[in-house]
Amino acid sequence: MKENVARDKSYAFALRVVKLYKYLVDTKKEYVLSKQILRSGTSIGANVEEAIGSHSKKEFGSKISIAYKEARETH
């Protein structure tokens, strides 16, 4: 598979988000915000993958835009 910086970084970020989620649930007993950060943080990579597999520039732009919004939400 061809190297893709966005894919690699979003995957690494998703792994960190999962670790953060586990920490928040196990150590801090926090369940509401941790679920939301898990959803938005892992959604970034899913949308980047969809963008990579898009069939048009318009579809690519739409999926990357969603990934960007998820990244902002996670932040």
N, C-alpha and C. Protein backbone atom coordinates (compact mmCIF):
# COMPACT_ATOMS: atom_id res chain seq x y z
N MET A 1 0.85 -1.17 0.00
CA MET A 1 0.00 0.00 0.00
C MET A 1 0.90 1.25 0.00
N LYS A 2 0.53 2.20 -0.80
CA LYS A 2 1.29 3.44 -0.93
C LYS A 2 1.25 4.24 0.38
N GLU A 3 2.37 4.85 0.73
CA GLU A 3 2.45 5.66 1.95
C GLU A 3 1.55 6.88 1.82
N ASN A 4 0.83 7.19 2.90
CA ASN A 4 -0.05 8.35 2.94
C ASN A 4 0.06 8.96 4.32
N VAL A 5 0.60 10.17 4.39
CA VAL A 5 0.86 10.82 5.68
C VAL A 5 -0.43 11.04 6.46
N ALA A 6 -1.48 11.49 5.79
CA ALA A 6 -2.75 11.75 6.47
C ALA A 6 -3.31 10.46 7.06
N ARG A 7 -3.24 9.36 6.29
CA ARG A 7 -3.73 8.07 6.79
C ARG A 7 -2.91 7.62 7.99
N ASP A 8 -1.59 7.71 7.87
CA ASP A 8 -0.71 7.25 8.94
C ASP A 8 -0.91 8.06 10.22
N LYS A 9 -1.00 9.36 10.07
CA LYS A 9 -1.16 10.21 11.26
C LYS A 9 -2.54 10.06 11.90
N SER A 10 -3.57 9.93 11.08
CA SER A 10 -4.90 9.76 11.65
C SER A 10 -5.03 8.41 12.35
N TYR A 11 -4.35 7.39 11.83
CA TYR A 11 -4.35 6.09 12.48
C TYR A 11 -3.62 6.14 13.83
N ALA A 12 -2.45 6.76 13.84
CA ALA A 12 -1.69 6.90 15.08
C ALA A 12 -2.48 7.72 16.11
N PHE A 13 -3.16 8.75 15.63
CA PHE A 13 -3.97 9.57 16.52
C PHE A 13 -5.12 8.76 17.10
N ALA A 14 -5.76 7.95 16.27
CA ALA A 14 -6.87 7.11 16.75
C ALA A 14 -6.39 6.16 17.85
N LEU A 15 -5.21 5.60 17.68
CA LEU A 15 -4.67 4.72 18.73
C LEU A 15 -4.47 5.47 20.04
N ARG A 16 -3.98 6.70 19.95
CA ARG A 16 -3.79 7.52 21.15
C ARG A 16 -5.13 7.87 21.79
N VAL A 17 -6.13 8.13 20.97
CA VAL A 17 -7.46 8.46 21.48
C VAL A 17 -8.04 7.26 22.23
N VAL A 18 -7.85 6.06 21.69
CA VAL A 18 -8.35 4.86 22.37
C VAL A 18 -7.66 4.69 23.72
N LYS A 19 -6.37 4.94 23.77
CA LYS A 19 -5.65 4.86 25.05
C LYS A 19 -6.16 5.90 26.03
N LEU A 20 -6.42 7.11 25.55
CA LEU A 20 -6.97 8.17 26.40
C LEU A 20 -8.34 7.77 26.92
N TYR A 21 -9.17 7.21 26.05
CA TYR A 21 -10.49 6.75 26.45
C TYR A 21 -10.39 5.73 27.59
N LYS A 22 -9.53 4.74 27.40
CA LYS A 22 -9.35 3.71 28.43
C LYS A 22 -8.88 4.32 29.74
N TYR A 23 -7.96 5.27 29.67
CA TYR A 23 -7.47 5.95 30.86
C TYR A 23 -8.60 6.69 31.57
N LEU A 24 -9.37 7.45 30.81
CA LEU A 24 -10.45 8.23 31.41
C LEU A 24 -11.50 7.34 32.07
N VAL A 25 -11.83 6.24 31.43
CA VAL A 25 -12.84 5.33 31.97
C VAL A 25 -12.30 4.57 33.18
N ASP A 26 -11.10 4.01 33.04
CA ASP A 26 -10.55 3.16 34.10
C ASP A 26 -10.08 3.95 35.31
N THR A 27 -9.40 5.06 35.07
CA THR A 27 -8.78 5.81 36.16
C THR A 27 -9.67 6.91 36.73
N LYS A 28 -10.30 7.65 35.85
CA LYS A 28 -11.09 8.81 36.28
C LYS A 28 -12.59 8.52 36.38
N LYS A 29 -12.99 7.36 35.94
CA LYS A 29 -14.41 6.97 35.95
C LYS A 29 -15.28 7.98 35.20
N GLU A 30 -14.75 8.47 34.09
CA GLU A 30 -15.45 9.46 33.27
C GLU A 30 -16.00 8.73 32.05
N TYR A 31 -17.31 8.82 31.83
CA TYR A 31 -17.93 8.03 30.78
C TYR A 31 -18.56 8.83 29.66
N VAL A 32 -19.05 10.02 29.92
CA VAL A 32 -19.80 10.77 28.91
C VAL A 32 -18.85 11.43 27.90
N LEU A 33 -17.96 12.29 28.37
CA LEU A 33 -17.05 12.97 27.46
C LEU A 33 -16.06 12.01 26.83
N SER A 34 -15.68 10.98 27.56
CA SER A 34 -14.72 10.02 27.00
C SER A 34 -15.32 9.29 25.81
N LYS A 35 -16.61 8.99 25.85
CA LYS A 35 -17.25 8.34 24.70
C LYS A 35 -17.26 9.26 23.49
N GLN A 36 -17.51 10.54 23.73
CA GLN A 36 -17.56 11.48 22.62
C GLN A 36 -16.18 11.67 21.98
N ILE A 37 -15.14 11.78 22.81
CA ILE A 37 -13.79 11.94 22.25
C ILE A 37 -13.38 10.67 21.51
N LEU A 38 -13.83 9.52 21.97
CA LEU A 38 -13.55 8.27 21.26
C LEU A 38 -14.21 8.28 19.88
N ARG A 39 -15.47 8.70 19.83
CA ARG A 39 -16.19 8.74 18.54
C ARG A 39 -15.57 9.73 17.58
N SER A 40 -15.35 10.96 18.03
CA SER A 40 -14.84 11.98 17.11
C SER A 40 -13.38 11.73 16.75
N GLY A 41 -12.59 11.26 17.70
CA GLY A 41 -11.17 11.03 17.45
C GLY A 41 -10.89 9.88 16.50
N THR A 42 -11.71 8.85 16.55
CA THR A 42 -11.51 7.73 15.64
C THR A 42 -12.20 7.95 14.30
N SER A 43 -13.16 8.85 14.28
CA SER A 43 -13.87 9.18 13.04
C SER A 43 -12.97 9.89 12.03
N ILE A 44 -11.96 10.57 12.52
CA ILE A 44 -11.05 11.30 11.62
C ILE A 44 -10.44 10.33 10.62
N GLY A 45 -9.86 9.26 11.11
CA GLY A 45 -9.22 8.29 10.23
C GLY A 45 -10.20 7.61 9.29
N ALA A 46 -11.40 7.34 9.78
CA ALA A 46 -12.41 6.71 8.92
C ALA A 46 -12.74 7.62 7.74
N ASN A 47 -12.86 8.91 8.01
CA ASN A 47 -13.18 9.85 6.93
C ASN A 47 -12.00 10.08 6.00
N VAL A 48 -10.79 10.03 6.53
CA VAL A 48 -9.60 10.12 5.66
C VAL A 48 -9.57 8.92 4.73
N GLU A 49 -9.85 7.73 5.24
CA GLU A 49 -9.89 6.53 4.41
C GLU A 49 -10.96 6.65 3.32
N GLU A 50 -12.12 7.17 3.69
CA GLU A 50 -13.18 7.36 2.69
C GLU A 50 -12.75 8.36 1.63
N ALA A 51 -12.06 9.42 2.05
CA ALA A 51 -11.57 10.41 1.09
C ALA A 51 -10.58 9.80 0.12
N ILE A 52 -9.69 8.97 0.64
CA ILE A 52 -8.69 8.32 -0.22
C ILE A 52 -9.38 7.45 -1.27
N GLY A 53 -10.46 6.81 -0.90
CA GLY A 53 -11.18 5.94 -1.82
C GLY A 53 -12.27 6.63 -2.62
N SER A 54 -12.33 7.95 -2.57
CA SER A 54 -13.39 8.67 -3.25
C SER A 54 -13.25 8.57 -4.77
N HIS A 55 -14.35 8.84 -5.44
CA HIS A 55 -14.40 8.72 -6.90
C HIS A 55 -14.30 10.06 -7.62
N SER A 56 -14.38 11.14 -6.87
CA SER A 56 -14.31 12.45 -7.51
C SER A 56 -13.64 13.45 -6.56
N LYS A 57 -13.20 14.56 -7.12
CA LYS A 57 -12.60 15.61 -6.30
C LYS A 57 -13.62 16.19 -5.33
N LYS A 58 -14.86 16.29 -5.78
CA LYS A 58 -15.92 16.82 -4.91
C LYS A 58 -16.13 15.90 -3.70
N GLU A 59 -16.21 14.61 -3.95
CA GLU A 59 -16.38 13.64 -2.86
C GLU A 59 -15.17 13.65 -1.93
N PHE A 60 -13.97 13.74 -2.51
CA PHE A 60 -12.75 13.82 -1.70
C PHE A 60 -12.81 15.04 -0.78
N GLY A 61 -13.16 16.18 -1.34
CA GLY A 61 -13.24 17.41 -0.55
C GLY A 61 -14.25 17.31 0.57
N SER A 62 -15.36 16.69 0.29
CA SER A 62 -16.41 16.52 1.30
C SER A 62 -15.93 15.66 2.46
N LYS A 63 -15.29 14.53 2.15
CA LYS A 63 -14.82 13.62 3.20
C LYS A 63 -13.68 14.23 4.02
N ILE A 64 -12.78 14.94 3.35
CA ILE A 64 -11.68 15.59 4.07
C ILE A 64 -12.23 16.70 4.96
N SER A 65 -13.26 17.39 4.49
CA SER A 65 -13.90 18.43 5.29
C SER A 65 -14.52 17.85 6.55
N ILE A 66 -15.15 16.70 6.42
CA ILE A 66 -15.73 16.03 7.59
C ILE A 66 -14.62 15.62 8.56
N ALA A 67 -13.53 15.08 8.04
CA ALA A 67 -12.40 14.69 8.90
C ALA A 67 -11.87 15.91 9.65
N TYR A 68 -11.78 17.04 8.96
CA TYR A 68 -11.30 18.28 9.60
C TYR A 68 -12.25 18.71 10.73
N LYS A 69 -13.54 18.62 10.47
CA LYS A 69 -14.52 19.01 11.50
C LYS A 69 -14.44 18.09 12.71
N GLU A 70 -14.25 16.80 12.47
CA GLU A 70 -14.09 15.85 13.57
C GLU A 70 -12.82 16.15 14.37
N ALA A 71 -11.76 16.54 13.67
CA ALA A 71 -10.52 16.90 14.36
C ALA A 71 -10.74 18.12 15.25
N ARG A 72 -11.46 19.10 14.74
CA ARG A 72 -11.75 20.30 15.54
C ARG A 72 -12.62 19.95 16.75
N GLU A 73 -13.59 19.08 16.55
CA GLU A 73 -14.44 18.66 17.66
C GLU A 73 -13.63 17.93 18.72
N THR A 74 -12.73 17.07 18.27
CA THR A 74 -11.89 16.34 19.22
C THR A 74 -11.00 17.29 20.01
N HIS A 75 -10.48 18.30 19.31
CA HIS A 75 -9.63 19.30 19.97
C HIS A 75 -10.43 20.03 21.05
